[in-house]
Amino acid sequence: MSSQTVDLLRQRLSALQPVSLTIRDDSHLHAGHAGARDGGGHFHVDIVSMIFAGKNTVARHRLIYDAAGDLMRGPIHALSIRAEVPGAV
């Protein structure tokens, strides 16, 4: 399920036109955690996109959560995010 979730998340985040996108499954670090027991995974997203230009951290994260959509209410229990604009990394 984990690699399928990564693939689905990658597809959805492509709507943000990333110039760079890395998704890491950190679920193994949270074994036994309540969300993990219910089947939700822990993931880290490192994304660089011009869409984030002029937006603060909260606005950037909202764009990512909106793109992820229903994945956030099922296969993804927790999402750690690093969202930058090109040249700021």
PDB file of N, CA and C in Angstrom:
ATOM      1  N   MET A   1       0.823  -1.201   0.000  1.00  0.00           N
ATOM      2  CA  MET A   1       0.000   0.000   0.000  1.00  0.00           C
ATOM      3  C   MET A   1       0.863   1.258   0.000  1.00  0.00           C
ATOM      4  N   SER A   2       2.004   1.190   0.674  1.00  0.00           N
ATOM      5  CA  SER A   2       2.852   2.364   0.828  1.00  0.00           C
ATOM      6  C   SER A   2       3.359   2.913  -0.496  1.00  0.00           C
ATOM      7  N   SER A   3       3.888   2.043  -1.362  1.00  0.00           N
ATOM      8  CA  SER A   3       4.392   2.525  -2.653  1.00  0.00           C
ATOM      9  C   SER A   3       3.237   3.025  -3.524  1.00  0.00           C
ATOM     10  N   GLN A   4       2.072   2.434  -3.368  1.00  0.00           N
ATOM     11  CA  GLN A   4       0.892   2.905  -4.093  1.00  0.00           C
ATOM     12  C   GLN A   4       0.508   4.303  -3.607  1.00  0.00           C
ATOM     13  N   THR A   5       0.592   4.528  -2.307  1.00  0.00           N
ATOM     14  CA  THR A   5       0.286   5.844  -1.748  1.00  0.00           C
ATOM     15  C   THR A   5       1.284   6.874  -2.246  1.00  0.00           C
ATOM     16  N   VAL A   6       2.559   6.522  -2.284  1.00  0.00           N
ATOM     17  CA  VAL A   6       3.585   7.433  -2.796  1.00  0.00           C
ATOM     18  C   VAL A   6       3.292   7.778  -4.253  1.00  0.00           C
ATOM     19  N   ASP A   7       2.944   6.791  -5.048  1.00  0.00           N
ATOM     20  CA  ASP A   7       2.633   7.029  -6.460  1.00  0.00           C
ATOM     21  C   ASP A   7       1.420   7.951  -6.617  1.00  0.00           C
ATOM     22  N   LEU A   8       0.377   7.698  -5.838  1.00  0.00           N
ATOM     23  CA  LEU A   8      -0.828   8.536  -5.903  1.00  0.00           C
ATOM     24  C   LEU A   8      -0.519   9.967  -5.472  1.00  0.00           C
ATOM     25  N   LEU A   9       0.263  10.108  -4.407  1.00  0.00           N
ATOM     26  CA  LEU A   9       0.626  11.439  -3.927  1.00  0.00           C
ATOM     27  C   LEU A   9       1.466  12.170  -4.969  1.00  0.00           C
ATOM     28  N   ARG A  10       2.396  11.465  -5.585  1.00  0.00           N
ATOM     29  CA  ARG A  10       3.230  12.062  -6.641  1.00  0.00           C
ATOM     30  C   ARG A  10       2.355  12.553  -7.801  1.00  0.00           C
ATOM     31  N   GLN A  11       1.378  11.748  -8.202  1.00  0.00           N
ATOM     32  CA  GLN A  11       0.469  12.142  -9.285  1.00  0.00           C
ATOM     33  C   GLN A  11      -0.307  13.405  -8.919  1.00  0.00           C
ATOM     34  N   ARG A  12      -0.805  13.436  -7.706  1.00  0.00           N
ATOM     35  CA  ARG A  12      -1.625  14.586  -7.292  1.00  0.00           C
ATOM     36  C   ARG A  12      -0.790  15.851  -7.139  1.00  0.00           C
ATOM     37  N   LEU A  13       0.422  15.716  -6.610  1.00  0.00           N
ATOM     38  CA  LEU A  13       1.272  16.885  -6.421  1.00  0.00           C
ATOM     39  C   LEU A  13       1.827  17.409  -7.746  1.00  0.00           C
ATOM     40  N   SER A  14       1.732  16.621  -8.798  1.00  0.00           N
ATOM     41  CA  SER A  14       2.179  17.097 -10.110  1.00  0.00           C
ATOM     42  C   SER A  14       1.358  18.305 -10.559  1.00  0.00           C
ATOM     43  N   ALA A  15       0.145  18.460 -10.013  1.00  0.00           N
ATOM     44  CA  ALA A  15      -0.694  19.621 -10.323  1.00  0.00           C
ATOM     45  C   ALA A  15      -0.044  20.929  -9.864  1.00  0.00           C
ATOM     46  N   LEU A  16       0.905  20.839  -8.940  1.00  0.00           N
ATOM     47  CA  LEU A  16       1.615  22.017  -8.437  1.00  0.00           C
ATOM     48  C   LEU A  16       2.847  22.343  -9.278  1.00  0.00           C
ATOM     49  N   GLN A  17       3.024  21.623 -10.358  1.00  0.00           N
ATOM     50  CA  GLN A  17       4.108  21.850 -11.317  1.00  0.00           C
ATOM     51  C   GLN A  17       5.482  21.919 -10.641  1.00  0.00           C
ATOM     52  N   PRO A  18       5.835  20.881  -9.879  1.00  0.00           N
ATOM     53  CA  PRO A  18       7.118  20.916  -9.174  1.00  0.00           C
ATOM     54  C   PRO A  18       8.303  20.819 -10.134  1.00  0.00           C
ATOM     55  N   VAL A  19       9.354  21.568  -9.823  1.00  0.00           N
ATOM     56  CA  VAL A  19      10.617  21.399 -10.547  1.00  0.00           C
ATOM     57  C   VAL A  19      11.442  20.330  -9.844  1.00  0.00           C
ATOM     58  N   SER A  20      11.069  20.041  -8.604  1.00  0.00           N
ATOM     59  CA  SER A  20      11.701  18.977  -7.828  1.00  0.00           C
ATOM     60  C   SER A  20      10.675  18.436  -6.844  1.00  0.00           C
ATOM     61  N   LEU A  21      10.624  17.109  -6.720  1.00  0.00           N
ATOM     62  CA  LEU A  21       9.676  16.482  -5.798  1.00  0.00           C
ATOM     63  C   LEU A  21      10.272  15.178  -5.278  1.00  0.00           C
ATOM     64  N   THR A  22      10.401  15.101  -3.965  1.00  0.00           N
ATOM     65  CA  THR A  22      10.856  13.875  -3.313  1.00  0.00           C
ATOM     66  C   THR A  22       9.818  13.511  -2.263  1.00  0.00           C
ATOM     67  N   ILE A  23       9.402  12.257  -2.274  1.00  0.00           N
ATOM     68  CA  ILE A  23       8.450  11.764  -1.281  1.00  0.00           C
ATOM     69  C   ILE A  23       9.098  10.573  -0.588  1.00  0.00           C
ATOM     70  N   ARG A  24       9.139  10.646   0.732  1.00  0.00           N
ATOM     71  CA  ARG A  24       9.759   9.584   1.520  1.00  0.00           C
ATOM     72  C   ARG A  24       8.720   8.985   2.459  1.00  0.00           C
ATOM     73  N   ASP A  25       8.673   7.664   2.503  1.00  0.00           N
ATOM     74  CA  ASP A  25       7.769   6.954   3.411  1.00  0.00           C
ATOM     75  C   ASP A  25       8.514   6.729   4.727  1.00  0.00           C
ATOM     76  N   ASP A  26       8.058   7.399   5.778  1.00  0.00           N
ATOM     77  CA  ASP A  26       8.661   7.265   7.101  1.00  0.00           C
ATOM     78  C   ASP A  26       7.812   6.410   8.033  1.00  0.00           C
ATOM     79  N   SER A  27       6.895   5.655   7.485  1.00  0.00           N
ATOM     80  CA  SER A  27       5.948   4.884   8.296  1.00  0.00           C
ATOM     81  C   SER A  27       6.649   3.935   9.264  1.00  0.00           C
ATOM     82  N   HIS A  28       7.751   3.355   8.835  1.00  0.00           N
ATOM     83  CA  HIS A  28       8.466   2.398   9.686  1.00  0.00           C
ATOM     84  C   HIS A  28       8.979   3.051  10.976  1.00  0.00           C
ATOM     85  N   LEU A  29       9.144   4.361  10.970  1.00  0.00           N
ATOM     86  CA  LEU A  29       9.616   5.074  12.157  1.00  0.00           C
ATOM     87  C   LEU A  29       8.501   5.290  13.185  1.00  0.00           C
ATOM     88  N   HIS A  30       7.272   4.976  12.792  1.00  0.00           N
ATOM     89  CA  HIS A  30       6.118   5.245  13.647  1.00  0.00           C
ATOM     90  C   HIS A  30       5.303   3.988  13.942  1.00  0.00           C
ATOM     91  N   ALA A  31       5.929   2.848  13.843  1.00  0.00           N
ATOM     92  CA  ALA A  31       5.231   1.584  14.102  1.00  0.00           C
ATOM     93  C   ALA A  31       4.633   1.610  15.513  1.00  0.00           C
ATOM     94  N   GLY A  32       3.396   1.211  15.627  1.00  0.00           N
ATOM     95  CA  GLY A  32       2.717   1.184  16.910  1.00  0.00           C
ATOM     96  C   GLY A  32       1.968   2.465  17.229  1.00  0.00           C
ATOM     97  N   HIS A  33       2.245   3.528  16.502  1.00  0.00           N
ATOM     98  CA  HIS A  33       1.563   4.807  16.693  1.00  0.00           C
ATOM     99  C   HIS A  33       0.096   4.621  16.314  1.00  0.00           C
ATOM    100  N   ALA A  34      -0.797   5.342  16.972  1.00  0.00           N
ATOM    101  CA  ALA A  34      -2.238   5.166  16.760  1.00  0.00           C
ATOM    102  C   ALA A  34      -2.633   5.260  15.292  1.00  0.00           C
ATOM    103  N   GLY A  35      -2.152   6.271  14.585  1.00  0.00           N
ATOM    104  CA  GLY A  35      -2.491   6.417  13.171  1.00  0.00           C
ATOM    105  C   GLY A  35      -1.954   5.282  12.335  1.00  0.00           C
ATOM    106  N   ALA A  36      -0.770   4.811  12.684  1.00  0.00           N
ATOM    107  CA  ALA A  36      -0.169   3.695  11.942  1.00  0.00           C
ATOM    108  C   ALA A  36      -0.964   2.419  12.164  1.00  0.00           C
ATOM    109  N   ARG A  37      -1.448   2.223  13.377  1.00  0.00           N
ATOM    110  CA  ARG A  37      -2.252   1.024  13.667  1.00  0.00           C
ATOM    111  C   ARG A  37      -3.530   1.000  12.846  1.00  0.00           C
ATOM    112  N   ASP A  38      -4.049   2.183  12.528  1.00  0.00           N
ATOM    113  CA  ASP A  38      -5.277   2.272  11.741  1.00  0.00           C
ATOM    114  C   ASP A  38      -5.010   2.219  10.241  1.00  0.00           C
ATOM    115  N   GLY A  39      -3.757   2.039   9.852  1.00  0.00           N
ATOM    116  CA  GLY A  39      -3.417   1.870   8.447  1.00  0.00           C
ATOM    117  C   GLY A  39      -2.888   3.111   7.754  1.00  0.00           C
ATOM    118  N   GLY A  40      -2.864   4.244   8.433  1.00  0.00           N
ATOM    119  CA  GLY A  40      -2.354   5.467   7.825  1.00  0.00           C
ATOM    120  C   GLY A  40      -0.844   5.536   7.927  1.00  0.00           C
ATOM    121  N   GLY A  41      -0.206   6.004   6.872  1.00  0.00           N
ATOM    122  CA  GLY A  41       1.244   6.093   6.848  1.00  0.00           C
ATOM    123  C   GLY A  41       1.743   7.494   7.169  1.00  0.00           C
ATOM    124  N   HIS A  42       3.030   7.558   7.466  1.00  0.00           N
ATOM    125  CA  HIS A  42       3.720   8.819   7.732  1.00  0.00           C
ATOM    126  C   HIS A  42       4.658   9.088   6.562  1.00  0.00           C
ATOM    127  N   PHE A  43       4.532  10.247   5.949  1.00  0.00           N
ATOM    128  CA  PHE A  43       5.314  10.572   4.765  1.00  0.00           C
ATOM    129  C   PHE A  43       5.968  11.942   4.898  1.00  0.00           C
ATOM    130  N   HIS A  44       7.054  12.120   4.167  1.00  0.00           N
ATOM    131  CA  HIS A  44       7.739  13.412   4.100  1.00  0.00           C
ATOM    132  C   HIS A  44       7.770  13.843   2.636  1.00  0.00           C
ATOM    133  N   VAL A  45       7.389  15.089   2.382  1.00  0.00           N
ATOM    134  CA  VAL A  45       7.402  15.652   1.030  1.00  0.00           C
ATOM    135  C   VAL A  45       8.385  16.818   0.992  1.00  0.00           C
ATOM    136  N   ASP A  46       9.267  16.780   0.027  1.00  0.00           N
ATOM    137  CA  ASP A  46      10.199  17.877  -0.237  1.00  0.00           C
ATOM    138  C   ASP A  46       9.874  18.333  -1.659  1.00  0.00           C
ATOM    139  N   ILE A  47       9.298  19.516  -1.790  1.00  0.00           N
ATOM    140  CA  ILE A  47       8.807  19.971  -3.083  1.00  0.00           C
ATOM    141  C   ILE A  47       9.276  21.400  -3.361  1.00  0.00           C
ATOM    142  N   VAL A  48       9.669  21.632  -4.607  1.00  0.00           N
ATOM    143  CA  VAL A  48      10.099  22.954  -5.062  1.00  0.00           C
ATOM    144  C   VAL A  48       9.229  23.322  -6.256  1.00  0.00           C
ATOM    145  N   SER A  49       8.570  24.488  -6.173  1.00  0.00           N
ATOM    146  CA  SER A  49       7.679  24.912  -7.251  1.00  0.00           C
ATOM    147  C   SER A  49       7.542  26.428  -7.247  1.00  0.00           C
ATOM    148  N   MET A  50       7.422  27.007  -8.424  1.00  0.00           N
ATOM    149  CA  MET A  50       7.177  28.444  -8.548  1.00  0.00           C
ATOM    150  C   MET A  50       5.786  28.820  -8.022  1.00  0.00           C
ATOM    151  N   ILE A  51       4.889  27.860  -7.952  1.00  0.00           N
ATOM    152  CA  ILE A  51       3.543  28.127  -7.444  1.00  0.00           C
ATOM    153  C   ILE A  51       3.595  28.650  -6.008  1.00  0.00           C
ATOM    154  N   PHE A  52       4.654  28.331  -5.280  1.00  0.00           N
ATOM    155  CA  PHE A  52       4.785  28.762  -3.897  1.00  0.00           C
ATOM    156  C   PHE A  52       5.310  30.187  -3.756  1.00  0.00           C
ATOM    157  N   ALA A  53       5.736  30.802  -4.850  1.00  0.00           N
ATOM    158  CA  ALA A  53       6.304  32.151  -4.790  1.00  0.00           C
ATOM    159  C   ALA A  53       5.306  33.126  -4.176  1.00  0.00           C
ATOM    160  N   GLY A  54       5.768  33.904  -3.216  1.00  0.00           N
ATOM    161  CA  GLY A  54       4.926  34.909  -2.576  1.00  0.00           C
ATOM    162  C   GLY A  54       3.961  34.367  -1.545  1.00  0.00           C
ATOM    163  N   LYS A  55       3.996  33.042  -1.292  1.00  0.00           N
ATOM    164  CA  LYS A  55       3.079  32.432  -0.330  1.00  0.00           C
ATOM    165  C   LYS A  55       3.836  32.065   0.945  1.00  0.00           C
ATOM    166  N   ASN A  56       3.171  32.241   2.082  1.00  0.00           N
ATOM    167  CA  ASN A  56       3.799  31.856   3.338  1.00  0.00           C
ATOM    168  C   ASN A  56       3.681  30.345   3.532  1.00  0.00           C
ATOM    169  N   THR A  57       4.268  29.859   4.608  1.00  0.00           N
ATOM    170  CA  THR A  57       4.300  28.421   4.868  1.00  0.00           C
ATOM    171  C   THR A  57       2.906  27.814   4.942  1.00  0.00           C
ATOM    172  N   VAL A  58       1.996  28.470   5.632  1.00  0.00           N
ATOM    173  CA  VAL A  58       0.632  27.937   5.782  1.00  0.00           C
ATOM    174  C   VAL A  58      -0.048  27.822   4.420  1.00  0.00           C
ATOM    175  N   ALA A  59       0.084  28.833   3.581  1.00  0.00           N
ATOM    176  CA  ALA A  59      -0.532  28.802   2.250  1.00  0.00           C
ATOM    177  C   ALA A  59       0.087  27.695   1.391  1.00  0.00           C
ATOM    178  N   ARG A  60       1.382  27.509   1.495  1.00  0.00           N
ATOM    179  CA  ARG A  60       2.059  26.441   0.739  1.00  0.00           C
ATOM    180  C   ARG A  60       1.543  25.078   1.181  1.00  0.00           C
ATOM    181  N   HIS A  61       1.432  24.883   2.491  1.00  0.00           N
ATOM    182  CA  HIS A  61       0.956  23.603   3.007  1.00  0.00           C
ATOM    183  C   HIS A  61      -0.493  23.351   2.607  1.00  0.00           C
ATOM    184  N   ARG A  62      -1.303  24.403   2.600  1.00  0.00           N
ATOM    185  CA  ARG A  62      -2.708  24.240   2.179  1.00  0.00           C
ATOM    186  C   ARG A  62      -2.795  23.772   0.731  1.00  0.00           C
ATOM    187  N   LEU A  63      -1.941  24.319  -0.123  1.00  0.00           N
ATOM    188  CA  LEU A  63      -1.914  23.884  -1.528  1.00  0.00           C
ATOM    189  C   LEU A  63      -1.595  22.395  -1.618  1.00  0.00           C
ATOM    190  N   ILE A  64      -0.647  21.960  -0.813  1.00  0.00           N
ATOM    191  CA  ILE A  64      -0.244  20.547  -0.826  1.00  0.00           C
ATOM    192  C   ILE A  64      -1.359  19.666  -0.288  1.00  0.00           C
ATOM    193  N   TYR A  65      -1.962  20.057   0.830  1.00  0.00           N
ATOM    194  CA  TYR A  65      -3.072  19.278   1.388  1.00  0.00           C
ATOM    195  C   TYR A  65      -4.251  19.231   0.420  1.00  0.00           C
ATOM    196  N   ASP A  66      -4.540  20.341  -0.234  1.00  0.00           N
ATOM    197  CA  ASP A  66      -5.627  20.364  -1.216  1.00  0.00           C
ATOM    198  C   ASP A  66      -5.337  19.419  -2.376  1.00  0.00           C
ATOM    199  N   ALA A  67      -4.094  19.421  -2.838  1.00  0.00           N
ATOM    200  CA  ALA A  67      -3.716  18.528  -3.941  1.00  0.00           C
ATOM    201  C   ALA A  67      -3.790  17.061  -3.506  1.00  0.00           C
ATOM    202  N   ALA A  68      -3.390  16.775  -2.276  1.00  0.00           N
ATOM    203  CA  ALA A  68      -3.424  15.399  -1.768  1.00  0.00           C
ATOM    204  C   ALA A  68      -4.858  14.917  -1.584  1.00  0.00           C
ATOM    205  N   GLY A  69      -5.753  15.839  -1.284  1.00  0.00           N
ATOM    206  CA  GLY A  69      -7.180  15.508  -1.181  1.00  0.00           C
ATOM    207  C   GLY A  69      -7.487  14.402  -0.200  1.00  0.00           C
ATOM    208  N   ASP A  70      -8.263  13.426  -0.653  1.00  0.00           N
ATOM    209  CA  ASP A  70      -8.747  12.357   0.213  1.00  0.00           C
ATOM    210  C   ASP A  70      -7.655  11.419   0.712  1.00  0.00           C
ATOM    211  N   LEU A  71      -6.450  11.504   0.163  1.00  0.00           N
ATOM    212  CA  LEU A  71      -5.348  10.692   0.683  1.00  0.00           C
ATOM    213  C   LEU A  71      -5.067  11.055   2.139  1.00  0.00           C
ATOM    214  N   MET A  72      -5.367  12.308   2.496  1.00  0.00           N
ATOM    215  CA  MET A  72      -5.112  12.776   3.857  1.00  0.00           C
ATOM    216  C   MET A  72      -6.129  12.220   4.856  1.00  0.00           C
ATOM    217  N   ARG A  73      -7.186  11.633   4.374  1.00  0.00           N
ATOM    218  CA  ARG A  73      -8.202  11.070   5.265  1.00  0.00           C
ATOM    219  C   ARG A  73      -8.191   9.545   5.224  1.00  0.00           C
ATOM    220  N   GLY A  74      -7.114   8.974   4.762  1.00  0.00           N
ATOM    221  CA  GLY A  74      -7.048   7.518   4.661  1.00  0.00           C
ATOM    222  C   GLY A  74      -5.629   7.011   4.704  1.00  0.00           C
ATOM    223  N   PRO A  75      -5.018   6.836   3.529  1.00  0.00           N
ATOM    224  CA  PRO A  75      -3.695   6.226   3.500  1.00  0.00           C
ATOM    225  C   PRO A  75      -2.583   7.085   4.107  1.00  0.00           C
ATOM    226  N   ILE A  76      -2.820   8.395   4.248  1.00  0.00           N
ATOM    227  CA  ILE A  76      -1.808   9.261   4.862  1.00  0.00           C
ATOM    228  C   ILE A  76      -2.331   9.727   6.214  1.00  0.00           C
ATOM    229  N   HIS A  77      -1.615   9.349   7.264  1.00  0.00           N
ATOM    230  CA  HIS A  77      -1.960   9.790   8.614  1.00  0.00           C
ATOM    231  C   HIS A  77      -1.227  11.089   8.955  1.00  0.00           C
ATOM    232  N   ALA A  78       0.033  11.182   8.520  1.00  0.00           N
ATOM    233  CA  ALA A  78       0.837  12.362   8.834  1.00  0.00           C
ATOM    234  C   ALA A  78       1.716  12.710   7.633  1.00  0.00           C
ATOM    235  N   LEU A  79       1.865  14.009   7.413  1.00  0.00           N
ATOM    236  CA  LEU A  79       2.647  14.483   6.275  1.00  0.00           C
ATOM    237  C   LEU A  79       3.569  15.603   6.748  1.00  0.00           C
ATOM    238  N   SER A  80       4.856  15.350   6.647  1.00  0.00           N
ATOM    239  CA  SER A  80       5.862  16.367   6.945  1.00  0.00           C
ATOM    240  C   SER A  80       6.209  17.043   5.618  1.00  0.00           C
ATOM    241  N   ILE A  81       6.262  18.376   5.615  1.00  0.00           N
ATOM    242  CA  ILE A  81       6.399  19.103   4.350  1.00  0.00           C
ATOM    243  C   ILE A  81       7.546  20.103   4.394  1.00  0.00           C
ATOM    244  N   ARG A  82       8.314  20.111   3.325  1.00  0.00           N
ATOM    245  CA  ARG A  82       9.276  21.181   3.059  1.00  0.00           C
ATOM    246  C   ARG A  82       8.928  21.673   1.672  1.00  0.00           C
ATOM    247  N   ALA A  83       8.384  22.897   1.590  1.00  0.00           N
ATOM    248  CA  ALA A  83       7.922  23.470   0.318  1.00  0.00           C
ATOM    249  C   ALA A  83       8.677  24.774   0.065  1.00  0.00           C
ATOM    250  N   GLU A  84       9.403  24.805  -1.032  1.00  0.00           N
ATOM    251  CA  GLU A  84      10.253  25.961  -1.354  1.00  0.00           C
ATOM    252  C   GLU A  84      10.013  26.420  -2.789  1.00  0.00           C
ATOM    253  N   VAL A  85      10.511  27.621  -3.083  1.00  0.00           N
ATOM    254  CA  VAL A  85      10.519  28.113  -4.453  1.00  0.00           C
ATOM    255  C   VAL A  85      11.909  27.869  -5.033  1.00  0.00           C
ATOM    256  N   PRO A  86      12.013  27.713  -6.346  1.00  0.00           N
ATOM    257  CA  PRO A  86      13.338  27.510  -6.948  1.00  0.00           C
ATOM    258  C   PRO A  86      14.290  28.649  -6.566  1.00  0.00           C
ATOM    259  N   GLY A  87      15.519  28.275  -6.278  1.00  0.00           N
ATOM    260  CA  GLY A  87      16.528  29.260  -5.907  1.00  0.00           C
ATOM    261  C   GLY A  87      16.600  29.497  -4.417  1.00  0.00           C
ATOM    262  N   ALA A  88      15.609  29.060  -3.662  1.00  0.00           N
ATOM    263  CA  ALA A  88      15.589  29.281  -2.217  1.00  0.00           C
ATOM    264  C   ALA A  88      16.114  28.064  -1.468  1.00  0.00           C
ATOM    265  N   VAL A  89      16.410  27.008  -2.194  1.00  0.00           N
ATOM    266  CA  VAL A  89      16.843  25.771  -1.551  1.00  0.00           C
ATOM    267  C   VAL A  89      18.322  25.735  -1.317  1.00  0.00           C
TER     268      VAL A  89
END
